[in-house]
Structures are given as structure tokens and as C-alpha cells.
């Protein structure tokens, strides 16, 4: 038999008393993060390479961003964000996980991006999750630019690696004259 119930704890009582406030604060928290991430996305869209478009997919808890190639319908590498982490607000860190396709050759090609990626000092590149993870500390001074610039740099590097890989694969498949 489980332990005898005597009384509700102080924590349970406080939660019950302030449940409406807690839920309202959670909604404001999520709405504020969403507005921040919308602004980051809009900044990147205004700065993406000519002829390219920034793609986005969202769920309640995640956002994926990628640069679409107008000449390809293939899957492309992307970064994803867990969009309801408290660290986005305080202390101001956006954790980006770079991800590519499922084949080993593609993953090796994109993993090389990690080694050549040059980001500002407010970014820390780490292993783990996907190809690599980047923690962007954007602070209070121009947080949109401080988050958008390195995110777009990562997306551009992944896009360029993807384009290079597809061109290399295409050349390898093209028969040479006389074959």
C-alpha cells in the first residue's frame, strides 16, 4: 500500500492558488520567444543569397530553417531549434542543431562544414546532436542581428556544401565522351 495522504504540500497549494497566473505567464513566454524567432527569421530572409529562399517548418516545440535550392527538390540540410527553452530568454542562448540527410556520404560531407565554419565570438561550436551544435549567445544589444547573422552563416555553409556535393555527384554520373 502506498503512503498515507495527510495534506497537500505547500508547493501544491501555491500552484493551485496561482495556476491561472502560471499558465498566463507560460503563454506570454512562448509568445515572446515566437516573436523573437520570427524577427530572426525575417532578418535572415532579408539577407539570404540572391536567388535563394529561406525555408521554415514549425511545430509547437521545434523550428527548422534551411536555404531552399530553386533547382532541386531534394532534401536539404537544415538547423533545428527547440523553441521553448528558457535559455532562449535568460541568459539569451539559441541552440542550433545542424542536420543533413541520412546517408553516410552526405553526413561526412556536411560534418566537414563544422571544421571550416567561421563564426563570431558569441558562438560556440560543439559536437552532439545532428552534425554539430552551435550555441549562440546573443545578449541584450541587438539580439536579432546577433542571432540571425551566425544562423544564416551556418545555413549558407550547409547550403554551399549541399550544392557542391550535388554538383560532384552529377559530374560523377555524367558519362564522358566516348564511353
C-alpha atoms as a PDB file:
ATOM      1  CA  UNK A   1       0.000   0.000   0.000  1.00  0.00           C
ATOM      2  CA  UNK A   2       1.284   3.489  -0.786  1.00  0.00           C
ATOM      3  CA  UNK A   3       1.961   6.057   1.908  1.00  0.00           C
ATOM      4  CA  UNK A   4      -0.948   7.672   3.700  1.00  0.00           C
ATOM      5  CA  UNK A   5      -2.067  11.059   2.415  1.00  0.00           C
ATOM      6  CA  UNK A   6      -2.120  13.665   5.136  1.00  0.00           C
ATOM      7  CA  UNK A   7      -2.246  17.066   3.432  1.00  0.00           C
ATOM      8  CA  UNK A   8      -1.425  18.842   0.197  1.00  0.00           C
ATOM      9  CA  UNK A   9       2.104  20.237   0.180  1.00  0.00           C
ATOM     10  CA  UNK A  10       2.801  23.957   0.264  1.00  0.00           C
ATOM     11  CA  UNK A  11       4.020  23.745  -3.347  1.00  0.00           C
ATOM     12  CA  UNK A  12       0.731  22.113  -4.444  1.00  0.00           C
ATOM     13  CA  UNK A  13      -1.253  24.773  -2.628  1.00  0.00           C
ATOM     14  CA  UNK A  14       0.762  27.600  -4.196  1.00  0.00           C
ATOM     15  CA  UNK A  15       0.354  26.098  -7.644  1.00  0.00           C
ATOM     16  CA  UNK A  16      -3.398  25.698  -7.158  1.00  0.00           C
ATOM     17  CA  UNK A  17      -3.682  29.264  -5.920  1.00  0.00           C
ATOM     18  CA  UNK A  18      -1.692  30.738  -8.810  1.00  0.00           C
ATOM     19  CA  UNK A  19      -2.371  28.214 -11.625  1.00  0.00           C
ATOM     20  CA  UNK A  20      -4.054  30.833 -13.792  1.00  0.00           C
ATOM     21  CA  UNK A  21      -1.117  33.221 -13.426  1.00  0.00           C
ATOM     22  CA  UNK A  22       1.366  30.426 -14.109  1.00  0.00           C
ATOM     23  CA  UNK A  23      -0.462  29.424 -17.310  1.00  0.00           C
ATOM     24  CA  UNK A  24      -0.761  33.047 -18.445  1.00  0.00           C
ATOM     25  CA  UNK A  25       2.973  33.593 -17.859  1.00  0.00           C
ATOM     26  CA  UNK A  26       3.758  30.427 -19.858  1.00  0.00           C
ATOM     27  CA  UNK A  27       1.650  31.672 -22.767  1.00  0.00           C
ATOM     28  CA  UNK A  28       3.379  35.079 -22.679  1.00  0.00           C
ATOM     29  CA  UNK A  29       6.776  33.338 -22.501  1.00  0.00           C
ATOM     30  CA  UNK A  30       6.025  31.193 -25.586  1.00  0.00           C
ATOM     31  CA  UNK A  31       4.527  34.147 -27.487  1.00  0.00           C
ATOM     32  CA  UNK A  32       7.559  36.321 -26.750  1.00  0.00           C
ATOM     33  CA  UNK A  33      10.014  33.631 -27.891  1.00  0.00           C
ATOM     34  CA  UNK A  34       7.955  33.094 -31.044  1.00  0.00           C
ATOM     35  CA  UNK A  35       8.089  36.837 -31.808  1.00  0.00           C
ATOM     36  CA  UNK A  36      11.866  36.810 -31.293  1.00  0.00           C
ATOM     37  CA  UNK A  37      12.329  33.803 -33.595  1.00  0.00           C
ATOM     38  CA  UNK A  38      10.022  35.413 -36.199  1.00  0.00           C
ATOM     39  CA  UNK A  39      12.245  38.506 -36.144  1.00  0.00           C
ATOM     40  CA  UNK A  40      15.391  36.355 -36.502  1.00  0.00           C
ATOM     41  CA  UNK A  41      13.783  34.529 -39.444  1.00  0.00           C
ATOM     42  CA  UNK A  42      12.721  37.789 -41.097  1.00  0.00           C
ATOM     43  CA  UNK A  43      16.234  39.216 -40.741  1.00  0.00           C
ATOM     44  CA  UNK A  44      17.716  36.091 -42.341  1.00  0.00           C
ATOM     45  CA  UNK A  45      15.154  36.216 -45.170  1.00  0.00           C
ATOM     46  CA  UNK A  46      16.228  39.767 -45.965  1.00  0.00           C
ATOM     47  CA  UNK A  47      19.887  38.693 -46.150  1.00  0.00           C
ATOM     48  CA  UNK A  48      19.767  35.257 -47.806  1.00  0.00           C
ATOM     49  CA  UNK A  49      21.715  34.731 -51.058  1.00  0.00           C
ATOM     50  CA  UNK A  50      20.185  36.088 -54.240  1.00  0.00           C
ATOM     51  CA  UNK A  51      18.031  33.510 -55.986  1.00  0.00           C
ATOM     52  CA  UNK A  52      17.548  31.510 -52.790  1.00  0.00           C
ATOM     53  CA  UNK A  53      14.774  31.416 -50.258  1.00  0.00           C
ATOM     54  CA  UNK A  54      14.733  30.653 -46.547  1.00  0.00           C
ATOM     55  CA  UNK A  55      12.506  27.686 -45.752  1.00  0.00           C
ATOM     56  CA  UNK A  56      10.828  27.087 -42.420  1.00  0.00           C
ATOM     57  CA  UNK A  57       8.853  24.348 -40.690  1.00  0.00           C
ATOM     58  CA  UNK A  58       7.323  24.797 -37.236  1.00  0.00           C
ATOM     59  CA  UNK A  59       5.627  22.674 -34.639  1.00  0.00           C
ATOM     60  CA  UNK A  60       4.652  23.562 -31.089  1.00  0.00           C
ATOM     61  CA  UNK A  61       8.157  22.866 -29.799  1.00  0.00           C
ATOM     62  CA  UNK A  62      10.524  22.921 -32.778  1.00  0.00           C
ATOM     63  CA  UNK A  63      11.546  25.116 -35.685  1.00  0.00           C
ATOM     64  CA  UNK A  64      13.567  24.021 -38.710  1.00  0.00           C
ATOM     65  CA  UNK A  65      15.254  26.530 -41.033  1.00  0.00           C
ATOM     66  CA  UNK A  66      17.049  25.848 -44.314  1.00  0.00           C
ATOM     67  CA  UNK A  67      18.016  27.544 -47.547  1.00  0.00           C
ATOM     68  CA  UNK A  68      15.967  26.208 -50.428  1.00  0.00           C
ATOM     69  CA  UNK A  69      17.649  25.484 -53.716  1.00  0.00           C
ATOM     70  CA  UNK A  70      15.363  26.644 -56.536  1.00  0.00           C
ATOM     71  CA  UNK A  71      16.855  23.983 -58.832  1.00  0.00           C
ATOM     72  CA  UNK A  72      16.379  20.974 -56.573  1.00  0.00           C
ATOM     73  CA  UNK A  73      13.544  19.177 -54.851  1.00  0.00           C
ATOM     74  CA  UNK A  74      15.940  17.035 -52.827  1.00  0.00           C
ATOM     75  CA  UNK A  75      16.111  17.120 -49.067  1.00  0.00           C
ATOM     76  CA  UNK A  76      18.499  19.777 -47.898  1.00  0.00           C
ATOM     77  CA  UNK A  77      20.481  20.299 -44.721  1.00  0.00           C
ATOM     78  CA  UNK A  78      18.883  22.427 -42.042  1.00  0.00           C
ATOM     79  CA  UNK A  79      19.175  23.664 -38.478  1.00  0.00           C
ATOM     80  CA  UNK A  80      16.561  22.959 -35.869  1.00  0.00           C
ATOM     81  CA  UNK A  81      15.777  24.677 -32.620  1.00  0.00           C
ATOM     82  CA  UNK A  82      13.871  23.565 -29.591  1.00  0.00           C
ATOM     83  CA  UNK A  83      11.784  26.710 -29.456  1.00  0.00           C
ATOM     84  CA  UNK A  84      10.535  26.759 -25.871  1.00  0.00           C
ATOM     85  CA  UNK A  85      13.770  26.511 -23.909  1.00  0.00           C
ATOM     86  CA  UNK A  86      14.046  29.017 -21.030  1.00  0.00           C
ATOM     87  CA  UNK A  87      17.689  29.706 -22.009  1.00  0.00           C
ATOM     88  CA  UNK A  88      16.417  31.497 -25.135  1.00  0.00           C
ATOM     89  CA  UNK A  89      15.157  34.251 -22.848  1.00  0.00           C
ATOM     90  CA  UNK A  90      17.605  34.002 -19.973  1.00  0.00           C
ATOM     91  CA  UNK A  91      20.583  34.067 -20.363  1.00  0.00           C
ATOM     92  CA  UNK A  92      19.942  34.615 -24.093  1.00  0.00           C
ATOM     93  CA  UNK A  93      21.224  31.495 -25.864  1.00  0.00           C
ATOM     94  CA  UNK A  94      19.922  29.974 -29.067  1.00  0.00           C
ATOM     95  CA  UNK A  95      20.955  26.343 -29.512  1.00  0.00           C
ATOM     96  CA  UNK A  96      21.096  25.407 -33.206  1.00  0.00           C
ATOM     97  CA  UNK A  97      21.449  21.766 -34.248  1.00  0.00           C
ATOM     98  CA  UNK A  98      22.721  21.299 -37.802  1.00  0.00           C
ATOM     99  CA  UNK A  99      21.296  18.244 -39.556  1.00  0.00           C
ATOM    100  CA  UNK A 100      21.670  16.726 -43.031  1.00  0.00           C
ATOM    101  CA  UNK A 101      20.342  13.761 -44.950  1.00  0.00           C
ATOM    102  CA  UNK A 102      20.507  10.202 -43.802  1.00  0.00           C
ATOM    103  CA  UNK A 103      23.283   8.783 -45.972  1.00  0.00           C
ATOM    104  CA  UNK A 104      26.783   8.383 -44.577  1.00  0.00           C
ATOM    105  CA  UNK A 105      28.439  10.198 -47.538  1.00  0.00           C
ATOM    106  CA  UNK A 106      26.190  13.205 -47.070  1.00  0.00           C
ATOM    107  CA  UNK A 107      26.794  13.263 -43.336  1.00  0.00           C
ATOM    108  CA  UNK A 108      30.570  13.103 -43.814  1.00  0.00           C
ATOM    109  CA  UNK A 109      30.455  15.918 -46.371  1.00  0.00           C
ATOM    110  CA  UNK A 110      28.378  18.099 -44.074  1.00  0.00           C
ATOM    111  CA  UNK A 111      30.391  17.210 -40.986  1.00  0.00           C
ATOM    112  CA  UNK A 112      33.336  18.867 -42.741  1.00  0.00           C
ATOM    113  CA  UNK A 113      31.359  22.119 -42.589  1.00  0.00           C
ATOM    114  CA  UNK A 114      31.904  22.112 -38.826  1.00  0.00           C
ATOM    115  CA  UNK A 115      35.667  22.201 -39.309  1.00  0.00           C
ATOM    116  CA  UNK A 116      35.627  25.136 -41.745  1.00  0.00           C
ATOM    117  CA  UNK A 117      32.817  27.182 -40.234  1.00  0.00           C
ATOM    118  CA  UNK A 118      33.934  30.607 -39.014  1.00  0.00           C
ATOM    119  CA  UNK A 119      31.528  32.243 -36.616  1.00  0.00           C
ATOM    120  CA  UNK A 120      31.705  35.293 -34.372  1.00  0.00           C
ATOM    121  CA  UNK A 121      32.979  35.030 -30.809  1.00  0.00           C
ATOM    122  CA  UNK A 122      29.425  34.905 -29.429  1.00  0.00           C
ATOM    123  CA  UNK A 123      29.134  31.346 -30.832  1.00  0.00           C
ATOM    124  CA  UNK A 124      30.390  28.019 -29.534  1.00  0.00           C
ATOM    125  CA  UNK A 125      30.534  25.040 -31.898  1.00  0.00           C
ATOM    126  CA  UNK A 126      30.191  21.683 -30.179  1.00  0.00           C
ATOM    127  CA  UNK A 127      29.667  18.069 -31.123  1.00  0.00           C
ATOM    128  CA  UNK A 128      26.461  16.369 -30.261  1.00  0.00           C
ATOM    129  CA  UNK A 129      23.019  16.319 -31.771  1.00  0.00           C
ATOM    130  CA  UNK A 130      22.982  16.094 -35.566  1.00  0.00           C
ATOM    131  CA  UNK A 131      26.162  17.069 -37.395  1.00  0.00           C
ATOM    132  CA  UNK A 132      27.114  19.671 -34.829  1.00  0.00           C
ATOM    133  CA  UNK A 133      25.538  22.097 -32.414  1.00  0.00           C
ATOM    134  CA  UNK A 134      26.126  25.827 -32.164  1.00  0.00           C
ATOM    135  CA  UNK A 135      25.267  27.779 -29.041  1.00  0.00           C
ATOM    136  CA  UNK A 136      24.687  31.416 -29.979  1.00  0.00           C
ATOM    137  CA  UNK A 137      24.842  33.885 -27.069  1.00  0.00           C
ATOM    138  CA  UNK A 138      23.147  36.997 -28.383  1.00  0.00           C
ATOM    139  CA  UNK A 139      22.800  39.213 -25.318  1.00  0.00           C
ATOM    140  CA  UNK A 140      20.660  42.316 -24.959  1.00  0.00           C
ATOM    141  CA  UNK A 141      22.406  44.544 -27.508  1.00  0.00           C
ATOM    142  CA  UNK A 142      20.856  43.862 -30.927  1.00  0.00           C
ATOM    143  CA  UNK A 143      19.794  40.274 -30.168  1.00  0.00           C
ATOM    144  CA  UNK A 144      18.112  39.864 -33.573  1.00  0.00           C
ATOM    145  CA  UNK A 145      21.295  40.584 -35.528  1.00  0.00           C
ATOM    146  CA  UNK A 146      23.453  38.644 -33.058  1.00  0.00           C
ATOM    147  CA  UNK A 147      21.242  35.571 -33.518  1.00  0.00           C
ATOM    148  CA  UNK A 148      20.435  35.917 -37.240  1.00  0.00           C
ATOM    149  CA  UNK A 149      23.959  36.505 -38.562  1.00  0.00           C
ATOM    150  CA  UNK A 150      25.561  33.283 -37.282  1.00  0.00           C
ATOM    151  CA  UNK A 151      22.408  31.251 -38.002  1.00  0.00           C
ATOM    152  CA  UNK A 152      22.421  32.426 -41.611  1.00  0.00           C
ATOM    153  CA  UNK A 153      26.186  31.763 -41.824  1.00  0.00           C
ATOM    154  CA  UNK A 154      25.567  28.150 -40.762  1.00  0.00           C
ATOM    155  CA  UNK A 155      22.687  27.745 -43.211  1.00  0.00           C
ATOM    156  CA  UNK A 156      24.762  29.248 -46.028  1.00  0.00           C
ATOM    157  CA  UNK A 157      27.701  26.920 -45.289  1.00  0.00           C
ATOM    158  CA  UNK A 158      25.360  23.905 -45.283  1.00  0.00           C
ATOM    159  CA  UNK A 159      23.689  25.090 -48.496  1.00  0.00           C
ATOM    160  CA  UNK A 160      27.063  25.582 -50.219  1.00  0.00           C
ATOM    161  CA  UNK A 161      28.247  22.130 -49.104  1.00  0.00           C
ATOM    162  CA  UNK A 162      24.984  20.594 -50.354  1.00  0.00           C
ATOM    163  CA  UNK A 163      25.282  22.362 -53.700  1.00  0.00           C
ATOM    164  CA  UNK A 164      28.910  21.250 -54.024  1.00  0.00           C
ATOM    165  CA  UNK A 165      28.007  17.660 -53.174  1.00  0.00           C
ATOM    166  CA  UNK A 166      25.181  17.578 -55.721  1.00  0.00           C
ATOM    167  CA  UNK A 167      27.427  19.041 -58.443  1.00  0.00           C
ATOM    168  CA  UNK A 168      30.166  16.500 -57.663  1.00  0.00           C
ATOM    169  CA  UNK A 169      27.633  13.659 -57.740  1.00  0.00           C
ATOM    170  CA  UNK A 170      26.171  14.947 -61.009  1.00  0.00           C
ATOM    171  CA  UNK A 171      29.631  15.093 -62.656  1.00  0.00           C
ATOM    172  CA  UNK A 172      30.430  11.584 -61.441  1.00  0.00           C
ATOM    173  CA  UNK A 173      27.209  10.240 -63.034  1.00  0.00           C
ATOM    174  CA  UNK A 174      27.663  12.054 -66.370  1.00  0.00           C
ATOM    175  CA  UNK A 175      29.243   9.694 -68.930  1.00  0.00           C
ATOM    176  CA  UNK A 176      32.373  11.012 -70.596  1.00  0.00           C
ATOM    177  CA  UNK A 177      32.537  11.332 -74.395  1.00  0.00           C
ATOM    178  CA  UNK A 178      33.332   8.000 -75.992  1.00  0.00           C
ATOM    179  CA  UNK A 179      32.043   5.905 -73.070  1.00  0.00           C
END
